[in-house]
Amino acid sequence: MKYLAELREGERINDIYLCRAKQSALTKNGKPYENLTIADRSGSLNAKIWEPSSGGIEDFEELDYIQITGDVLNYQGALQVSIKRLKKARAGEYNPADYLPVSERNTDTMRRELTQFVESVKNPFLHTLLKRFFAEDEAFLKIFTTASAAKQIHHGFVGGLLEHTLSVTKLCEYYTKAYPILNHDLLVSAALLHDIGKVRELSAFPQNDYTDEGQLVGHIVIGAEMISERASTIEDFPPELLSELTHCILAHHGEYEFGSPKKPALVEAMALNFADNTDARMEMMKEIFASSAGRSGWLGYNKLVESNLRKSGEW
């Protein structure tokens, strides 16, 4: 098969992809069409069926594997597929492993890095808490190492949550060396734990969608609750230390408008917010560049960053 990341404007495709999302809509003239997100392990693309009632379009649903024939177009700086023919693929015609986006990093290597960060925390209470999650709970660790960090936007792939967590922790580790006012053990612990609630906020692949708990409560509060539950199993865990750690989790989105229940009151919470936002933004740009079909220079307006983006030159 030809992966979506390999497609170029002007190509005609005839291959099988996962229908990640499907939505019926109307044009400005009131004509019905289907708006799709098709995906494989290399990424996802928007696709349109402008003639959904034509004889060449068979019935299908979200999360079906679909064989499509269509043209690759450029719409407002992004690739898009105009589907001409579509049929639901049968079992045996595709390999599900080809349709799960996966981290470029090796999982075993990332798990070793995770263990090293846990061991770097010397506070006995925080160290024990981290081991409760990342050493003693194999069921949690299995989910954590395979989960995504988001439905879309950034790190929306198998292993994305682990990759994002390590990147944030590495930034925080650097901050503690550059700014001695930071409490290393508190900040590194908060970095490792900041997104653990996402194991319950998002469902497993291929759905990778918000659960009811994720919609109603959200990963920030879920994570804070998980930490409180585990801390309660550790004898004499200092209440003030738990409050400081919990605050870092609750404040790591920085602003109320970004879903943060609290604004940072501790310098460690502020540093965690900066690290989280930096890694999310850099990964977002990486994915935007990867989907730009090798184009250089100006890439057009991107609504996620609300800016007309340009690749810098190579000098």
Protein backbone atom coordinates (compact mmCIF):
# COMPACT_ATOMS: atom_id res chain seq x y z
CA MET A 1 0.00 0.00 0.00
CA LYS A 2 1.01 3.63 -0.39
CA TYR A 3 1.01 5.45 2.93
CA LEU A 4 -0.76 8.79 3.22
CA ALA A 5 2.48 10.58 4.12
CA GLU A 6 3.84 9.57 0.71
CA LEU A 7 0.98 11.08 -1.29
CA ARG A 8 1.56 14.10 -3.48
CA GLU A 9 -0.76 16.60 -5.11
CA GLY A 10 -2.10 15.42 -8.46
CA GLU A 11 -1.88 11.69 -7.74
CA ARG A 12 -4.76 9.26 -8.16
CA ILE A 13 -4.95 6.65 -5.41
CA ASN A 14 -6.59 3.25 -5.21
CA ASP A 15 -5.89 1.74 -1.82
CA ILE A 16 -7.34 0.77 1.57
CA TYR A 17 -7.39 3.18 4.51
CA LEU A 18 -9.06 3.39 7.91
CA CYS A 19 -12.07 5.71 8.09
CA ARG A 20 -11.20 7.55 11.29
CA ALA A 21 -14.19 9.91 11.13
CA LYS A 22 -17.27 10.42 8.97
CA GLN A 23 -19.70 13.34 8.99
CA SER A 24 -22.55 14.24 6.67
CA ALA A 25 -22.69 17.89 5.65
CA LEU A 26 -24.22 20.31 3.16
CA THR A 27 -22.52 22.61 0.68
CA LYS A 28 -23.46 26.29 0.58
CA ASN A 29 -25.93 25.34 -2.13
CA GLY A 30 -27.57 22.75 0.07
CA LYS A 31 -26.07 19.73 -1.69
CA PRO A 32 -25.18 16.81 0.62
CA TYR A 33 -21.62 15.49 0.85
CA GLU A 34 -19.55 13.34 3.23
CA ASN A 35 -16.59 14.71 5.16
CA LEU A 36 -14.10 11.98 6.11
CA THR A 37 -10.82 11.61 7.94
CA ILE A 38 -8.86 8.70 6.49
CA ALA A 39 -5.82 7.34 8.27
CA ASP A 40 -2.96 4.89 8.27
CA ARG A 41 0.11 4.52 10.46
CA SER A 42 1.83 7.45 8.72
CA GLY A 43 -0.88 9.98 9.58
CA SER A 44 -4.30 11.16 8.46
CA LEU A 45 -5.90 13.24 5.69
CA ASN A 46 -9.19 14.95 5.12
CA ALA A 47 -11.28 13.42 2.34
CA LYS A 48 -14.53 14.40 0.68
CA ILE A 49 -17.24 12.42 -1.11
CA TRP A 50 -19.00 15.02 -3.22
CA GLU A 51 -21.41 12.51 -4.79
CA PRO A 52 -22.38 10.22 -1.88
CA SER A 53 -25.46 8.85 -3.65
CA SER A 54 -23.58 7.78 -6.75
CA GLY A 55 -23.42 4.10 -7.65
CA GLY A 56 -19.71 3.95 -6.94
CA ILE A 57 -20.06 4.67 -3.21
CA GLU A 58 -20.98 1.71 -1.01
CA ASP A 59 -22.34 1.92 2.56
CA PHE A 60 -19.72 2.20 5.32
CA GLU A 61 -19.30 3.51 8.87
CA GLU A 62 -16.64 5.13 11.03
CA LEU A 63 -13.71 2.79 11.86
CA ASP A 64 -14.40 0.68 8.79
CA TYR A 65 -11.50 -0.12 6.49
CA ILE A 66 -12.42 1.30 3.11
CA GLN A 67 -10.94 0.87 -0.35
CA ILE A 68 -11.05 4.19 -2.12
CA THR A 69 -10.28 5.53 -5.55
CA GLY A 70 -9.73 9.26 -5.62
CA ASP A 71 -7.63 12.27 -6.50
CA VAL A 72 -5.12 14.02 -4.22
CA LEU A 73 -5.72 17.77 -4.21
CA ASN A 74 -4.28 20.78 -2.44
CA TYR A 75 -6.87 22.77 -0.52
CA GLN A 76 -5.79 25.87 1.43
CA GLY A 77 -2.25 24.57 1.82
CA ALA A 78 -3.15 21.05 2.91
CA LEU A 79 -3.60 17.83 0.98
CA GLN A 80 -7.12 16.50 0.59
CA VAL A 81 -8.58 13.47 -1.19
CA SER A 82 -11.60 13.74 -3.46
CA ILE A 83 -13.14 10.25 -3.40
CA LYS A 84 -14.69 8.97 -6.62
CA ARG A 85 -15.33 5.33 -5.70
CA LEU A 86 -15.49 3.57 -2.34
CA LYS A 87 -16.22 0.10 -1.02
CA LYS A 88 -15.89 -1.49 2.39
CA ALA A 89 -12.79 -3.70 2.61
CA ARG A 90 -13.14 -7.32 3.68
CA ALA A 91 -11.13 -9.07 6.40
CA GLY A 92 -7.93 -10.44 4.95
CA GLU A 93 -7.56 -7.61 2.44
CA TYR A 94 -5.63 -5.42 4.87
CA ASN A 95 -3.22 -5.63 7.80
CA PRO A 96 -4.51 -3.65 10.83
CA ALA A 97 -0.92 -2.89 11.86
CA ASP A 98 -0.59 -0.68 8.77
CA TYR A 99 -3.28 1.65 10.11
CA LEU A 100 -2.09 2.47 13.60
CA PRO A 101 0.14 5.55 13.81
CA VAL A 102 3.15 4.60 15.93
CA SER A 103 5.90 6.58 17.65
CA GLU A 104 9.14 6.75 15.73
CA ARG A 105 10.95 5.98 18.98
CA ASN A 106 11.60 2.46 20.26
CA THR A 107 9.26 1.52 23.12
CA ASP A 108 11.87 -0.44 25.09
CA THR A 109 14.29 2.48 24.91
CA MET A 110 11.62 4.87 26.15
CA ARG A 111 10.70 2.55 29.02
CA ARG A 112 14.33 2.47 30.13
CA GLU A 113 14.42 6.28 30.07
CA LEU A 114 11.23 6.33 32.14
CA THR A 115 12.83 4.07 34.74
CA GLN A 116 15.94 6.26 34.86
CA PHE A 117 13.85 9.35 35.58
CA VAL A 118 11.97 7.51 38.34
CA GLU A 119 15.28 6.51 39.91
CA SER A 120 16.54 10.10 39.74
CA VAL A 121 13.90 11.16 42.27
CA LYS A 122 15.41 10.78 45.75
CA ASN A 123 12.53 11.99 47.93
CA PRO A 124 11.32 8.69 49.42
CA PHE A 125 7.62 9.54 49.21
CA LEU A 126 7.70 10.78 45.63
CA HIS A 127 9.98 7.90 44.60
CA THR A 128 7.60 5.35 46.09
CA LEU A 129 4.62 7.06 44.43
CA LEU A 130 6.29 6.95 41.03
CA LYS A 131 7.12 3.27 41.47
CA ARG A 132 3.48 2.57 42.34
CA PHE A 133 2.62 3.67 38.80
CA PHE A 134 5.67 2.94 36.66
CA ALA A 135 7.22 -0.15 38.26
CA GLU A 136 4.62 -2.06 40.27
CA ASP A 137 1.49 -1.70 38.12
CA GLU A 138 2.04 -3.64 34.91
CA ALA A 139 -1.58 -3.16 33.77
CA PHE A 140 -1.25 0.63 34.04
CA LEU A 141 2.19 0.62 32.44
CA LYS A 142 0.97 -1.39 29.45
CA ILE A 143 -1.78 1.14 28.78
CA PHE A 144 0.50 4.12 29.46
CA THR A 145 3.19 2.96 27.03
CA THR A 146 0.76 2.33 24.16
CA ALA A 147 -1.67 5.23 24.64
CA SER A 148 -1.71 8.44 22.62
CA ALA A 149 -1.33 11.87 24.18
CA ALA A 150 -4.24 13.35 22.22
CA LYS A 151 -7.05 12.54 19.85
CA GLN A 152 -5.50 14.95 17.36
CA ILE A 153 -3.22 18.03 17.47
CA HIS A 154 -0.02 16.42 18.88
CA HIS A 155 1.32 12.95 19.77
CA GLY A 156 -1.88 11.31 18.55
CA PHE A 157 -0.22 7.95 17.95
CA VAL A 158 0.60 4.67 19.70
CA GLY A 159 3.31 5.50 22.24
CA GLY A 160 2.55 9.21 21.99
CA LEU A 161 1.75 9.59 25.69
CA LEU A 162 5.05 8.01 26.73
CA GLU A 163 7.03 10.02 24.16
CA HIS A 164 5.40 13.29 25.22
CA THR A 165 5.89 12.54 28.93
CA LEU A 166 9.60 11.86 28.43
CA SER A 167 10.09 15.02 26.35
CA VAL A 168 8.38 17.15 28.99
CA THR A 169 10.43 15.50 31.74
CA LYS A 170 13.69 16.11 29.85
CA LEU A 171 12.83 19.80 29.55
CA CYS A 172 12.00 19.96 33.25
CA GLU A 173 15.26 18.18 34.12
CA TYR A 174 17.11 20.88 32.15
CA TYR A 175 15.14 23.63 33.92
CA THR A 176 16.26 22.33 37.32
CA LYS A 177 19.89 22.67 36.25
CA ALA A 178 19.41 26.12 34.70
CA TYR A 179 17.23 27.47 37.53
CA PRO A 180 18.30 26.19 40.98
CA ILE A 181 15.18 27.71 42.59
CA LEU A 182 13.27 24.69 41.23
CA ASN A 183 12.73 21.63 43.41
CA HIS A 184 14.07 18.80 41.22
CA ASP A 185 12.14 15.92 42.77
CA LEU A 186 8.82 17.77 42.81
CA LEU A 187 9.14 19.01 39.23
CA VAL A 188 10.37 15.74 37.72
CA SER A 189 7.67 13.80 39.56
CA ALA A 190 5.01 16.21 38.32
CA ALA A 191 6.35 15.95 34.77
CA LEU A 192 6.20 12.15 34.83
CA LEU A 193 2.68 12.18 36.23
CA HIS A 194 1.16 15.24 34.56
CA ASP A 195 -0.79 13.38 31.86
CA ILE A 196 -1.49 10.00 33.47
CA GLY A 197 -5.21 10.82 33.41
CA LYS A 198 -5.13 10.39 29.64
CA VAL A 199 -5.10 6.61 30.05
CA ARG A 200 -8.75 7.03 31.09
CA GLU A 201 -9.61 10.16 29.12
CA LEU A 202 -8.98 8.51 25.73
CA SER A 203 -10.00 5.08 24.49
CA ALA A 204 -7.53 2.65 22.97
CA PHE A 205 -6.75 2.48 19.26
CA PRO A 206 -8.19 2.34 16.68
CA GLN A 207 -10.91 4.51 18.27
CA ASN A 208 -8.55 6.85 20.18
CA ASP A 209 -11.56 8.94 21.13
CA TYR A 210 -12.80 10.61 24.30
CA THR A 211 -14.41 8.33 26.84
CA ASP A 212 -17.47 9.44 28.82
CA GLU A 213 -15.19 10.05 31.81
CA GLY A 214 -12.82 11.99 29.59
CA GLN A 215 -15.62 14.23 28.34
CA LEU A 216 -17.21 14.77 31.75
CA VAL A 217 -14.12 15.04 33.98
CA GLY A 218 -11.01 15.42 31.81
CA HIS A 219 -7.48 14.10 32.19
CA ILE A 220 -6.27 16.81 34.55
CA VAL A 221 -8.78 16.04 37.29
CA ILE A 222 -8.64 12.30 36.58
CA GLY A 223 -4.85 12.40 37.00
CA ALA A 224 -5.09 14.33 40.27
CA GLU A 225 -7.55 11.74 41.60
CA MET A 226 -5.28 8.86 40.55
CA ILE A 227 -2.33 10.44 42.36
CA SER A 228 -4.38 10.99 45.51
CA GLU A 229 -5.55 7.37 45.49
CA ARG A 230 -2.01 5.99 45.16
CA ALA A 231 -0.56 8.42 47.70
CA SER A 232 -3.13 7.19 50.23
CA THR A 233 -1.48 3.75 50.08
CA ILE A 234 1.88 5.19 51.17
CA GLU A 235 2.26 5.47 54.93
CA ASP A 236 2.81 9.01 56.30
CA PHE A 237 2.84 10.66 52.85
CA PRO A 238 3.16 14.37 53.77
CA PRO A 239 -0.14 16.21 53.08
CA GLU A 240 1.66 19.41 52.04
CA LEU A 241 3.85 17.53 49.54
CA LEU A 242 0.75 15.88 48.09
CA SER A 243 -0.92 19.30 47.79
CA GLU A 244 2.08 20.75 45.97
CA LEU A 245 2.25 17.82 43.56
CA THR A 246 -1.50 17.95 42.98
CA HIS A 247 -1.29 21.69 42.31
CA CYS A 248 1.34 21.12 39.62
CA ILE A 249 -1.00 18.64 37.92
CA LEU A 250 -4.05 20.89 38.19
CA ALA A 251 -2.14 23.95 36.90
CA HIS A 252 -0.12 22.41 34.08
CA HIS A 253 -2.29 23.90 31.32
CA GLY A 254 -1.50 27.33 32.70
CA GLU A 255 -4.67 29.27 31.92
CA TYR A 256 -8.35 28.77 32.67
CA GLU A 257 -9.25 29.13 28.99
CA PHE A 258 -7.00 26.15 28.22
CA GLY A 259 -8.87 23.93 30.67
CA SER A 260 -6.60 24.45 33.66
CA PRO A 261 -8.54 24.19 36.97
CA LYS A 262 -5.84 26.32 38.63
CA LYS A 263 -3.27 28.88 37.48
CA PRO A 264 0.33 28.17 38.56
CA ALA A 265 1.12 29.34 42.10
CA LEU A 266 4.33 27.34 42.48
CA VAL A 267 7.42 27.92 40.36
CA GLU A 268 7.46 24.17 39.63
CA ALA A 269 3.91 24.38 38.27
CA MET A 270 4.97 27.29 36.08
CA ALA A 271 7.96 25.37 34.74
CA LEU A 272 5.80 22.30 34.04
CA ASN A 273 3.34 24.43 32.09
CA PHE A 274 6.15 25.87 29.95
CA ALA A 275 7.63 22.42 29.26
CA ASP A 276 4.25 20.89 28.40
CA ASN A 277 3.35 23.72 26.04
CA THR A 278 6.79 23.72 24.40
CA ASP A 279 6.74 20.02 23.59
CA ALA A 280 3.13 20.10 22.39
CA ARG A 281 3.86 23.04 20.07
CA MET A 282 7.08 21.59 18.68
CA GLU A 283 5.41 18.25 17.95
CA MET A 284 2.51 20.09 16.34
CA MET A 285 4.92 21.91 14.02
CA LYS A 286 6.76 18.66 13.28
CA GLU A 287 3.49 17.04 12.20
CA ILE A 288 2.48 20.07 10.13
CA PHE A 289 5.82 19.99 8.31
CA ALA A 290 5.49 16.22 7.78
CA SER A 291 2.10 16.71 6.14
CA SER A 292 3.30 19.53 3.88
CA ALA A 293 4.29 17.08 1.13
CA GLY A 294 7.91 18.22 1.03
CA ARG A 295 7.05 21.83 0.18
CA SER A 296 9.40 24.58 1.30
CA GLY A 297 8.83 28.24 2.02
CA TRP A 298 5.34 29.44 2.93
CA LEU A 299 2.88 26.70 3.84
CA GLY A 300 -0.24 28.82 4.23
CA TYR A 301 -2.45 29.77 7.17
CA ASN A 302 -2.85 27.15 9.88
CA LYS A 303 -5.83 27.55 12.20
CA LEU A 304 -4.23 25.53 15.00
CA VAL A 305 -1.47 28.10 15.51
CA GLU A 306 -3.42 31.00 13.98
CA SER A 307 -0.54 32.00 11.75
CA ASN A 308 0.69 31.82 8.17
CA LEU A 309 3.52 29.32 8.50
CA ARG A 310 6.84 29.21 6.70
CA LYS A 311 9.72 26.75 6.74
CA SER A 312 13.07 28.39 7.37
CA GLY A 313 15.73 28.04 4.69
CA GLU A 314 18.76 25.78 4.80
CA TRP A 315 21.87 27.90 4.70
